[in-house]
Amino acid sequence: MFVRTVAWVSTLPRTIQQMLEHPPAVGSRLQVAGHVKSIRKFKNIGFLDLSDGSTYKTLPIVFRHPDQVLAQYDLKVGQSLEISGDLAESKGVQSFEVTFDPADDSHHLKIIGNVQDSYPIQKKETSLQFLRSIPILRHRTSTLASVLRLRSFLEHELNVFFAEHSFTKVTPPMITSSDCEGGGEQFTIEPLNPKEVVKDGMAVKHEFFGKPAYLTVSTQLHLEVLAPSLNRVWTLTPCFRAEDSNTNRHLSEFWMLEAEISYISQLSQLTRFTEVMIRHLTSQLSNNREDVLNSRYNKADRELIEVRWNSILAENDWPVITYDEAINLINQVKLKGRSKGRLAWGDSISTEDEKWLAGDHFHSPVFITDYPKSQKPFYMPHSKNYNISAPTVACFDLIFPFIGELIGGSLREDNYEVLVAEMNRRNMDLVEMDWYLSTRLNGSVPHGGFGMGLERLMLYLSGLENVRDVVTFPRAPETCDC
C-alpha cells in the first residue's frame, strides 16, 4: 500500500479565488496578479479592481494620492499587473482589499502587459453582438468569463454523475468513414497536398485513409461498438456539421455529450435517465449559484436565469407525450389563430412549435416520443405500439422552453436481419457499413442511447440567447475568425 510521506506543495501562484476563499491574516504582505477591470478615482483615494478570471469577484487595490499614482504608472483598464501590498479588511462589498503605498519600498506595482489606447473592454455595458467581433478579448468580460467557468463546472459534474451511475468514459474517433445521421452534412478530410497514384493508366487522387473520410457528426455508431464491452459508455466529443444554417441555435463545430447503455429495452428508461441527469446538473449549479448570477449586472438577466433553473427543478416529473399527441396539441392552437398551417401526420414539428409546447403550454421541459419512421435514422426500432398505417420508431426528443430540442435519443435495433432489411429499404451501402452490422452477429444485446449538444444546455442555463456566446471560438458558416 502506498503511504504518503511527503506533503506536496504547489509551486503555482495563488489565484484571486484562492486568496479570497482562504485569506491570510489581515496585515499580511500579499502579492497578486491580474487584469485591471476598472479604475475609480476620488479626491484622496483611488481603487483598482483586479481580476484574474478564476472567480467573478475582483480584488480591490486601494491607494492614496490617486493622481500621483495613476500618472506615475500610467495605469489603464485592461493592463495586466503584479502588485504587492498589505491585506486589509474592506469597507466595501468585498471582505478584503489590498492597500498599496508607493512610498513603501516593500510594496511594488509592475505592469506585466500593457494595452493600446483603443482597448475595447471598458467598465460599461457592451453588447454581446459587439463582443463577437473581438473574439480574442471578449472573454475578459464578466458575463462571458462566467460562461467558460460554467462549462468547466458542468463538465466536472458530468464526470461525477456518470461515474456514480457506473459509466465508463471513452474516446471515439472524430475521423470516420460513415454518416451516422444520414443527412450528408459532413466535412471531408483530405491532405492539403494530396498525392496522386496511377490507376488503370490514369493519375488519380490517393485517398489518405484508403477511402473517403469525414469529420464525425455523431460518435453514436462507435459507442454502440464499445457498449457491449463496457456495459455503459459516455463521451463528450467535438462534432461537426456542414449545415448552412445561421441561426442562434446552430454551430458547425459543437460538443456533443453522447451515452450508450446496454441491456435496456424500454424507452422510458432513457427518458427518465436523461431527466435525472439534467436535474442533477441544475441542482448542483443552483447550490453553487454565485458565479453565474453575480457575474450578471442586470437584474432582469438574473431573474430569467432563476426562472429557467426553477422550470427544470419543478417538483413534478417532466411530461411525456407522443408525436401524435404533440401535433394534436399544436393543431388545436393553430385553429385558434396562433399561427397558420396546421400539421399533417408526418410533418416535422418546427422549432417555433417546440418552444410553444415546452414554454407556453407545459411551462416545463417535455419529452416527445415515437416520431414517424420517415423522419429518423435507420437504426431505430419500431415503436412499442407500432401501427403499419402510421409507422413510428422508439425514439424521443427532449424539448426545452426558449431552446427547442436539447436531447435526442432512441432504442437501437439489435436484430441483424431487421437492421439489414431497413438499410436495404433505404438503399444504404451494406459493404461500407459491414463493421457496424457485425456487432449484431457477435453477442448483440438490447441497448439505447442519446446525444445532447452541451452548448444548448449552457445557453439555457446561462440565460443567453445566441449559442455563439457560449462557445469559446464560434465556427459557423462564414465564421472562422482565428
Protein backbone atom coordinates (compact mmCIF):
# COMPACT_ATOMS: atom_id res chain seq x y z
CA MET A 1 0.00 0.00 0.00
CA PHE A 2 1.24 3.49 -0.88
CA VAL A 3 1.94 5.62 2.17
CA ARG A 4 2.33 9.35 1.68
CA THR A 5 5.45 10.60 3.41
CA VAL A 6 5.81 13.98 1.70
CA ALA A 7 3.43 16.93 1.83
CA TRP A 8 3.27 18.03 -1.80
CA VAL A 9 3.35 21.79 -2.19
CA SER A 10 2.22 23.52 -5.38
CA THR A 11 4.67 25.94 -6.95
CA LEU A 12 1.85 27.80 -8.71
CA PRO A 13 1.00 31.34 -7.61
CA ARG A 14 -2.27 31.65 -5.68
CA THR A 15 -5.29 32.78 -7.67
CA ILE A 16 -7.60 35.54 -6.52
CA GLN A 17 -10.25 32.90 -5.87
CA GLN A 18 -7.87 31.04 -3.54
CA MET A 19 -6.88 34.26 -1.77
CA LEU A 20 -10.49 35.28 -1.17
CA GLU A 21 -11.57 31.82 -0.03
CA HIS A 22 -8.56 31.27 2.24
CA PRO A 23 -7.13 34.71 3.03
CA PRO A 24 -4.02 35.15 5.14
CA ALA A 25 -4.16 37.23 8.30
CA VAL A 26 -5.10 40.89 7.98
CA GLY A 27 -1.91 42.92 7.71
CA SER A 28 -0.06 40.19 5.82
CA ARG A 29 2.02 41.07 2.81
CA LEU A 30 0.28 39.81 -0.33
CA GLN A 31 1.39 39.54 -3.94
CA VAL A 32 -1.32 39.31 -6.58
CA ALA A 33 -1.51 39.42 -10.38
CA GLY A 34 -4.38 40.02 -12.79
CA HIS A 35 -6.01 42.39 -15.24
CA VAL A 36 -7.37 45.82 -14.39
CA LYS A 37 -11.18 45.63 -14.68
CA SER A 38 -11.84 49.22 -13.63
CA ILE A 39 -10.19 52.30 -12.19
CA ARG A 40 -12.00 54.59 -9.78
CA LYS A 41 -10.56 57.87 -8.57
CA PHE A 42 -11.72 60.20 -5.83
CA LYS A 43 -10.06 63.25 -4.29
CA ASN A 44 -7.84 61.48 -1.79
CA ILE A 45 -8.11 57.81 -2.68
CA GLY A 46 -8.10 55.56 -5.73
CA PHE A 47 -9.18 51.99 -6.47
CA LEU A 48 -8.18 49.35 -8.98
CA ASP A 49 -10.43 46.33 -9.40
CA LEU A 50 -8.17 43.42 -10.27
CA SER A 51 -9.41 40.16 -11.85
CA ASP A 52 -7.53 37.04 -12.90
CA GLY A 53 -10.60 35.16 -14.23
CA SER A 54 -10.57 32.49 -11.51
CA THR A 55 -13.76 33.95 -9.98
CA TYR A 56 -16.40 36.56 -10.77
CA LYS A 57 -15.10 38.55 -7.80
CA THR A 58 -12.45 41.22 -8.17
CA LEU A 59 -9.78 42.12 -5.63
CA PRO A 60 -9.78 45.86 -4.82
CA ILE A 61 -6.39 47.57 -4.76
CA VAL A 62 -6.56 50.77 -2.67
CA PHE A 63 -4.05 53.61 -2.85
CA ARG A 64 -3.80 57.21 -1.68
CA HIS A 65 -2.71 60.19 -3.80
CA PRO A 66 -4.57 58.81 -6.84
CA ASP A 67 -3.48 61.50 -9.33
CA GLN A 68 0.18 60.84 -8.49
CA VAL A 69 -0.11 57.04 -8.65
CA LEU A 70 -2.13 56.95 -11.89
CA ALA A 71 0.28 59.33 -13.58
CA GLN A 72 3.41 57.62 -12.28
CA TYR A 73 2.40 54.18 -13.55
CA ASP A 74 0.21 55.26 -16.49
CA LEU A 75 -2.49 52.82 -15.38
CA LYS A 76 -5.24 51.74 -17.81
CA VAL A 77 -8.16 49.32 -17.88
CA GLY A 78 -7.05 46.02 -19.41
CA GLN A 79 -3.42 46.09 -18.30
CA SER A 80 -2.06 43.02 -16.55
CA LEU A 81 -0.36 43.96 -13.28
CA GLU A 82 1.63 42.41 -10.49
CA ILE A 83 1.10 44.16 -7.16
CA SER A 84 2.33 43.57 -3.64
CA GLY A 85 0.76 45.32 -0.68
CA ASP A 86 -0.90 44.71 2.66
CA LEU A 87 -4.12 42.77 3.11
CA ALA A 88 -6.78 44.79 4.90
CA GLU A 89 -10.43 44.41 5.79
CA SER A 90 -12.59 46.17 3.21
CA LYS A 91 -15.24 48.73 3.97
CA GLY A 92 -16.95 47.95 0.64
CA VAL A 93 -18.78 44.93 -0.78
CA GLN A 94 -15.71 42.71 -0.68
CA SER A 95 -14.39 41.28 2.56
CA PHE A 96 -10.78 42.18 1.81
CA GLU A 97 -8.68 44.64 -0.13
CA VAL A 98 -5.00 45.22 -0.76
CA THR A 99 -3.52 48.57 0.22
CA PHE A 100 -0.70 49.78 -1.98
CA ASP A 101 1.66 52.54 -0.84
CA PRO A 102 4.16 53.69 -3.49
CA ALA A 103 6.23 55.34 -0.76
CA ASP A 104 6.76 51.96 0.93
CA ASP A 105 9.85 50.30 -0.59
CA SER A 106 8.48 46.87 0.30
CA HIS A 107 5.39 47.46 -1.88
CA HIS A 108 5.63 47.27 -5.66
CA LEU A 109 3.47 47.64 -8.75
CA LYS A 110 4.64 46.27 -12.08
CA ILE A 111 2.86 46.42 -15.43
CA ILE A 112 3.28 42.94 -16.93
CA GLY A 113 1.36 43.61 -20.13
CA ASN A 114 0.30 46.99 -21.45
CA VAL A 115 -2.72 47.76 -23.64
CA GLN A 116 -3.38 50.02 -26.57
CA ASP A 117 -5.36 53.21 -26.03
CA SER A 118 -8.11 51.63 -28.14
CA TYR A 119 -8.56 48.67 -25.75
CA PRO A 120 -12.27 47.88 -26.28
CA ILE A 121 -13.30 46.27 -22.95
CA GLN A 122 -14.20 49.11 -20.59
CA LYS A 123 -16.36 49.21 -17.46
CA LYS A 124 -19.58 49.92 -19.28
CA GLU A 125 -22.34 47.84 -20.80
CA THR A 126 -21.21 46.20 -24.03
CA SER A 127 -23.47 44.26 -26.40
CA LEU A 128 -22.81 40.59 -26.99
CA GLN A 129 -23.06 41.27 -30.71
CA PHE A 130 -20.13 43.69 -30.46
CA LEU A 131 -18.15 41.22 -28.37
CA ARG A 132 -18.47 38.62 -31.14
CA SER A 133 -16.41 41.00 -33.30
CA ILE A 134 -13.46 40.82 -30.86
CA PRO A 135 -13.02 37.06 -30.29
CA ILE A 136 -9.56 37.42 -28.73
CA LEU A 137 -10.70 39.73 -25.92
CA ARG A 138 -14.40 39.06 -25.37
CA HIS A 139 -13.89 36.57 -22.52
CA ARG A 140 -12.33 39.33 -20.40
CA THR A 141 -15.92 40.43 -19.70
CA SER A 142 -17.61 39.18 -16.55
CA THR A 143 -20.52 37.56 -18.41
CA LEU A 144 -18.52 35.55 -20.94
CA ALA A 145 -15.82 34.59 -18.44
CA SER A 146 -18.58 33.18 -16.23
CA VAL A 147 -19.87 31.14 -19.18
CA LEU A 148 -16.47 29.42 -19.51
CA ARG A 149 -16.40 28.69 -15.79
CA LEU A 150 -19.98 27.36 -16.10
CA ARG A 151 -18.82 24.95 -18.80
CA SER A 152 -15.95 23.75 -16.61
CA PHE A 153 -18.39 23.22 -13.74
CA LEU A 154 -20.84 21.25 -15.90
CA GLU A 155 -18.11 19.02 -17.32
CA HIS A 156 -16.90 18.25 -13.79
CA GLU A 157 -20.41 17.39 -12.64
CA LEU A 158 -20.98 15.21 -15.70
CA ASN A 159 -17.89 13.20 -14.82
CA VAL A 160 -19.20 12.78 -11.28
CA PHE A 161 -22.73 11.87 -12.41
CA PHE A 162 -21.72 9.23 -14.95
CA ALA A 163 -19.15 7.70 -12.61
CA GLU A 164 -21.85 7.37 -9.93
CA HIS A 165 -24.01 5.50 -12.48
CA SER A 166 -21.26 3.02 -13.45
CA PHE A 167 -20.44 4.52 -16.87
CA THR A 168 -17.01 4.39 -18.46
CA LYS A 169 -15.86 7.49 -20.32
CA VAL A 170 -14.46 6.62 -23.75
CA THR A 171 -12.81 8.47 -26.63
CA PRO A 172 -14.35 7.54 -30.00
CA PRO A 173 -12.69 8.92 -33.15
CA MET A 174 -13.50 12.26 -34.71
CA ILE A 175 -12.47 10.96 -38.13
CA THR A 176 -14.96 8.49 -39.58
CA SER A 177 -15.90 6.79 -42.84
CA SER A 178 -19.66 6.75 -42.11
CA ASP A 179 -22.53 9.23 -41.81
CA CYS A 180 -24.34 8.37 -38.59
CA GLU A 181 -27.29 10.70 -39.17
CA GLY A 182 -27.57 10.00 -42.91
CA GLY A 183 -28.07 13.66 -43.76
CA GLY A 184 -24.90 14.07 -45.81
CA GLU A 185 -23.94 17.25 -43.92
CA GLN A 186 -20.32 16.23 -43.34
CA PHE A 187 -16.92 17.83 -43.80
CA THR A 188 -14.45 15.86 -45.93
CA ILE A 189 -10.93 15.26 -44.65
CA GLU A 190 -8.01 15.11 -47.05
CA PRO A 191 -4.36 16.22 -47.05
CA LEU A 192 -3.54 19.78 -48.02
CA ASN A 193 -1.31 18.40 -50.77
CA PRO A 194 -2.82 15.04 -51.77
CA LYS A 195 -0.65 12.54 -53.58
CA GLU A 196 -1.59 11.01 -56.89
CA VAL A 197 -1.39 7.34 -57.84
CA VAL A 198 -1.69 5.64 -61.19
CA LYS A 199 -4.78 3.50 -61.57
CA ASP A 200 -5.80 1.88 -64.85
CA GLY A 201 -3.22 4.03 -66.59
CA MET A 202 -4.62 7.28 -65.17
CA ALA A 203 -3.39 9.54 -62.38
CA VAL A 204 -5.99 9.75 -59.62
CA LYS A 205 -6.01 11.30 -56.17
CA HIS A 206 -4.72 8.95 -53.47
CA GLU A 207 -7.15 8.53 -50.56
CA PHE A 208 -5.09 9.09 -47.40
CA PHE A 209 -7.20 6.67 -45.34
CA GLY A 210 -7.82 4.30 -48.25
CA LYS A 211 -11.37 5.59 -48.60
CA PRO A 212 -13.24 8.89 -48.21
CA ALA A 213 -13.07 10.15 -44.61
CA TYR A 214 -15.11 12.78 -42.78
CA LEU A 215 -15.31 14.71 -39.53
CA THR A 216 -17.87 12.98 -37.35
CA VAL A 217 -21.42 14.28 -36.97
CA SER A 218 -22.01 11.88 -34.08
CA THR A 219 -19.99 9.22 -32.27
CA GLN A 220 -23.04 7.03 -31.70
CA LEU A 221 -22.13 4.15 -34.01
CA HIS A 222 -18.71 3.79 -32.39
CA LEU A 223 -20.28 3.96 -28.93
CA GLU A 224 -22.54 1.08 -29.97
CA VAL A 225 -19.41 -0.93 -30.74
CA LEU A 226 -17.90 -0.15 -27.33
CA ALA A 227 -21.01 -0.53 -25.16
CA PRO A 228 -21.20 -4.36 -25.15
CA SER A 229 -17.62 -4.49 -23.87
CA LEU A 230 -18.14 -1.95 -21.07
CA ASN A 231 -21.93 -2.07 -20.46
CA ARG A 232 -22.39 1.71 -20.19
CA VAL A 233 -20.28 4.27 -22.01
CA TRP A 234 -20.31 8.02 -22.50
CA THR A 235 -18.25 10.68 -24.19
CA LEU A 236 -18.04 14.44 -24.62
CA THR A 237 -16.63 15.00 -28.07
CA PRO A 238 -16.45 17.69 -30.78
CA CYS A 239 -18.87 17.04 -33.63
CA PHE A 240 -19.06 18.80 -36.97
CA ARG A 241 -21.98 19.57 -39.28
CA ALA A 242 -21.72 21.21 -42.70
CA GLU A 243 -25.21 22.65 -42.28
CA ASP A 244 -25.61 26.03 -43.93
CA SER A 245 -27.62 27.46 -41.05
CA ASN A 246 -27.02 30.87 -39.49
CA THR A 247 -29.50 30.66 -36.61
CA ASN A 248 -28.83 31.42 -32.94
CA ARG A 249 -29.07 27.66 -32.18
CA HIS A 250 -26.62 26.16 -34.68
CA LEU A 251 -22.85 25.78 -34.90
CA SER A 252 -20.67 23.99 -37.42
CA GLU A 253 -18.45 22.74 -34.58
CA PHE A 254 -20.03 21.88 -31.25
CA TRP A 255 -19.55 19.49 -28.35
CA MET A 256 -21.88 16.52 -28.06
CA LEU A 257 -22.46 14.53 -24.92
CA GLU A 258 -23.40 11.02 -26.01
CA ALA A 259 -24.15 7.89 -23.99
CA GLU A 260 -24.92 4.30 -24.90
CA ILE A 261 -26.49 1.92 -22.39
CA SER A 262 -26.63 -1.88 -22.66
CA TYR A 263 -29.45 -4.15 -21.50
CA ILE A 264 -32.30 -1.66 -21.71
CA SER A 265 -35.45 -2.30 -23.73
CA GLN A 266 -37.88 0.44 -22.64
CA LEU A 267 -37.82 3.99 -23.97
CA SER A 268 -38.89 5.21 -20.53
CA GLN A 269 -35.54 4.04 -19.15
CA LEU A 270 -33.81 6.56 -21.40
CA THR A 271 -36.20 9.45 -20.82
CA ARG A 272 -36.05 9.02 -17.06
CA PHE A 273 -32.25 8.79 -17.05
CA THR A 274 -31.82 11.98 -19.09
CA GLU A 275 -34.23 13.82 -16.79
CA VAL A 276 -32.26 12.70 -13.74
CA MET A 277 -29.03 13.83 -15.42
CA ILE A 278 -30.27 17.35 -16.25
CA ARG A 279 -31.86 17.74 -12.82
CA HIS A 280 -28.58 16.72 -11.18
CA LEU A 281 -26.57 19.28 -13.15
CA THR A 282 -29.06 22.07 -12.45
CA SER A 283 -29.36 21.21 -8.77
CA GLN A 284 -25.58 21.32 -8.34
CA LEU A 285 -25.46 24.59 -10.24
CA SER A 286 -28.24 26.07 -8.10
CA ASN A 287 -26.27 25.12 -4.98
CA ASN A 288 -23.24 26.95 -6.41
CA ARG A 289 -25.11 29.82 -7.97
CA GLU A 290 -22.95 32.82 -7.08
CA ASP A 291 -20.64 32.80 -10.08
CA VAL A 292 -23.31 32.61 -12.80
CA LEU A 293 -25.73 35.02 -11.13
CA ASN A 294 -23.35 37.60 -9.67
CA SER A 295 -21.38 37.94 -12.89
CA ARG A 296 -24.54 39.44 -14.44
CA TYR A 297 -25.16 43.07 -13.54
CA ASN A 298 -28.67 43.22 -14.97
CA LYS A 299 -31.41 42.24 -12.51
CA ALA A 300 -33.69 41.03 -15.33
CA ASP A 301 -30.95 38.64 -16.52
CA ARG A 302 -30.59 37.15 -13.05
CA GLU A 303 -34.34 36.71 -12.71
CA LEU A 304 -34.54 34.98 -16.12
CA ILE A 305 -31.79 32.56 -15.11
CA GLU A 306 -33.65 31.71 -11.90
CA VAL A 307 -36.87 31.10 -13.84
CA ARG A 308 -35.08 28.71 -16.19
CA TRP A 309 -33.45 26.77 -13.36
CA ASN A 310 -36.74 26.53 -11.49
CA SER A 311 -38.52 25.16 -14.57
CA ILE A 312 -36.05 22.27 -14.57
CA LEU A 313 -36.21 21.64 -10.82
CA ALA A 314 -40.01 21.78 -10.50
CA GLU A 315 -41.42 19.05 -8.28
CA ASN A 316 -43.44 17.17 -10.95
CA ASP A 317 -41.80 14.82 -13.43
CA TRP A 318 -41.49 16.27 -16.89
CA PRO A 319 -44.41 15.48 -19.23
CA VAL A 320 -44.02 12.70 -21.81
CA ILE A 321 -46.21 12.90 -24.94
CA THR A 322 -46.15 11.11 -28.28
CA TYR A 323 -45.62 12.78 -31.64
CA ASP A 324 -49.33 12.21 -32.37
CA GLU A 325 -50.33 13.98 -29.16
CA ALA A 326 -47.88 16.81 -29.87
CA ILE A 327 -49.26 17.64 -33.32
CA ASN A 328 -52.82 17.42 -31.99
CA LEU A 329 -51.99 19.99 -29.29
CA ILE A 330 -50.27 22.23 -31.82
CA ASN A 331 -53.18 21.99 -34.28
CA GLN A 332 -55.73 22.84 -31.60
CA VAL A 333 -53.93 26.11 -31.01
CA LYS A 334 -53.41 26.76 -34.70
CA LEU A 335 -57.18 26.51 -35.14
CA LYS A 336 -57.47 29.35 -32.62
CA GLY A 337 -55.30 31.53 -34.78
CA ARG A 338 -51.89 31.27 -33.12
CA SER A 339 -50.26 30.63 -36.50
CA LYS A 340 -51.11 29.43 -39.94
CA GLY A 341 -50.62 25.99 -41.42
CA ARG A 342 -51.92 23.02 -39.45
CA LEU A 343 -49.65 19.98 -39.25
CA ALA A 344 -50.46 16.78 -41.11
CA TRP A 345 -49.25 13.46 -39.77
CA GLY A 346 -45.65 13.03 -40.88
CA ASP A 347 -44.83 16.75 -40.89
CA SER A 348 -41.83 17.93 -38.90
CA ILE A 349 -42.51 19.87 -35.72
CA SER A 350 -40.87 23.27 -36.13
CA THR A 351 -38.63 24.90 -33.54
CA GLU A 352 -41.33 27.53 -33.03
CA ASP A 353 -43.88 24.85 -32.20
CA GLU A 354 -41.42 23.02 -29.93
CA LYS A 355 -40.84 26.21 -27.95
CA TRP A 356 -44.58 26.77 -27.68
CA LEU A 357 -45.17 23.25 -26.35
CA ALA A 358 -42.47 23.45 -23.69
CA GLY A 359 -42.77 27.15 -22.85
CA ASP A 360 -46.36 28.31 -23.26
CA HIS A 361 -48.26 25.03 -22.92
CA PHE A 362 -46.37 22.88 -20.40
CA HIS A 363 -44.13 25.54 -18.80
CA SER A 364 -41.63 22.74 -18.42
CA PRO A 365 -39.21 20.57 -20.36
CA VAL A 366 -41.23 17.93 -22.24
CA PHE A 367 -40.40 14.64 -23.91
CA ILE A 368 -41.88 13.90 -27.34
CA THR A 369 -41.68 10.22 -28.26
CA ASP A 370 -42.48 7.91 -31.18
CA TYR A 371 -41.77 10.07 -34.21
CA PRO A 372 -42.63 8.94 -37.75
CA LYS A 373 -40.18 6.39 -39.09
CA SER A 374 -39.54 8.55 -42.17
CA GLN A 375 -38.07 11.35 -40.03
CA LYS A 376 -35.50 9.25 -38.21
CA PRO A 377 -32.28 7.30 -38.99
CA PHE A 378 -32.09 3.64 -39.95
CA TYR A 379 -31.01 2.20 -36.59
CA MET A 380 -34.21 2.94 -34.64
CA PRO A 381 -36.59 0.01 -33.97
CA HIS A 382 -40.36 0.16 -34.31
CA SER A 383 -42.34 1.75 -31.50
CA LYS A 384 -43.91 -0.47 -28.89
CA ASN A 385 -47.37 0.33 -30.29
CA TYR A 386 -46.36 0.17 -33.95
CA ASN A 387 -49.06 0.94 -36.49
CA ILE A 388 -48.27 -0.05 -40.09
CA SER A 389 -50.51 2.72 -41.44
CA ALA A 390 -48.68 5.35 -39.37
CA PRO A 391 -45.25 3.78 -38.69
CA THR A 392 -43.29 5.22 -35.78
CA VAL A 393 -39.99 4.37 -34.07
CA ALA A 394 -38.92 4.07 -30.42
CA CYS A 395 -37.23 7.44 -30.03
CA PHE A 396 -37.56 10.70 -28.14
CA ASP A 397 -36.63 14.36 -28.27
CA LEU A 398 -36.34 16.40 -25.07
CA ILE A 399 -37.76 19.86 -25.74
CA PHE A 400 -36.86 22.88 -23.60
CA PRO A 401 -38.58 26.27 -23.32
CA PHE A 402 -36.78 29.03 -25.27
CA ILE A 403 -34.43 26.45 -26.86
CA GLY A 404 -36.41 23.73 -28.61
CA GLU A 405 -34.69 20.36 -28.95
CA LEU A 406 -31.97 19.71 -26.37
CA ILE A 407 -31.55 15.91 -26.43
CA GLY A 408 -32.38 13.25 -29.00
CA GLY A 409 -32.25 9.55 -28.26
CA SER A 410 -33.69 6.14 -29.06
CA LEU A 411 -33.53 2.44 -28.55
CA ARG A 412 -31.33 0.73 -31.18
CA GLU A 413 -32.37 -2.12 -33.44
CA ASP A 414 -30.29 -5.10 -32.25
CA ASN A 415 -31.64 -7.74 -34.69
CA TYR A 416 -29.31 -8.25 -37.65
CA GLU A 417 -31.94 -9.30 -40.20
CA VAL A 418 -34.30 -6.46 -39.31
CA LEU A 419 -31.48 -3.93 -39.48
CA VAL A 420 -30.28 -5.19 -42.87
CA ALA A 421 -33.82 -5.07 -44.26
CA GLU A 422 -34.21 -1.45 -43.18
CA MET A 423 -30.84 -0.46 -44.62
CA ASN A 424 -31.74 -2.13 -47.91
CA ARG A 425 -35.05 -0.28 -47.93
CA ARG A 426 -33.10 2.96 -47.67
CA ASN A 427 -30.61 1.90 -50.38
CA MET A 428 -27.68 2.09 -47.97
CA ASP A 429 -24.24 0.60 -48.73
CA LEU A 430 -24.12 -2.60 -46.68
CA VAL A 431 -20.49 -3.25 -47.55
CA GLU A 432 -19.45 0.15 -46.24
CA MET A 433 -21.44 -0.44 -43.03
CA ASP A 434 -20.39 -4.05 -42.51
CA TRP A 435 -18.27 -3.13 -39.48
CA TYR A 436 -21.39 -1.75 -37.76
CA LEU A 437 -23.64 -4.62 -38.83
CA SER A 438 -21.16 -7.16 -37.47
CA THR A 439 -21.96 -6.02 -33.92
CA ARG A 440 -25.38 -7.67 -34.35
CA LEU A 441 -23.73 -11.02 -35.15
CA ASN A 442 -21.34 -11.16 -32.18
CA GLY A 443 -23.25 -11.23 -28.92
CA SER A 444 -25.63 -8.37 -29.61
CA VAL A 445 -27.61 -7.00 -26.65
CA PRO A 446 -30.61 -4.69 -26.39
CA HIS A 447 -29.36 -1.15 -25.95
CA GLY A 448 -30.14 2.51 -26.45
CA GLY A 449 -28.64 5.93 -26.06
CA PHE A 450 -28.88 9.66 -26.58
CA GLY A 451 -26.96 12.77 -27.58
CA MET A 452 -27.05 16.30 -26.18
CA GLY A 453 -25.42 19.43 -27.51
CA LEU A 454 -23.61 20.85 -24.48
CA GLU A 455 -23.74 24.40 -25.80
CA ARG A 456 -27.55 24.34 -25.97
CA LEU A 457 -27.75 23.32 -22.33
CA MET A 458 -25.31 26.10 -21.45
CA LEU A 459 -27.42 28.54 -23.45
CA TYR A 460 -30.49 27.68 -21.38
CA LEU A 461 -28.75 27.64 -18.00
CA SER A 462 -26.89 30.91 -18.59
CA GLY A 463 -29.95 32.83 -19.78
CA LEU A 464 -28.26 33.86 -23.03
CA GLU A 465 -29.91 33.83 -26.46
CA ASN A 466 -27.21 33.01 -29.01
CA VAL A 467 -25.20 29.78 -28.97
CA ARG A 468 -22.19 31.67 -30.33
CA ASP A 469 -21.92 33.38 -26.95
CA VAL A 470 -21.43 30.14 -25.00
CA VAL A 471 -18.65 28.63 -27.12
CA THR A 472 -15.05 29.83 -26.98
CA PHE A 473 -14.43 30.47 -30.69
CA PRO A 474 -17.61 30.01 -32.79
CA ARG A 475 -17.42 28.03 -36.02
CA ALA A 476 -20.39 28.66 -38.30
CA PRO A 477 -20.97 29.49 -41.97
CA GLU A 478 -18.57 32.31 -42.93
CA THR A 479 -17.33 32.48 -39.30
CA CYS A 480 -13.82 31.28 -38.52
CA ASP A 481 -12.02 34.39 -37.25
CA CYS A 482 -8.99 32.87 -35.62
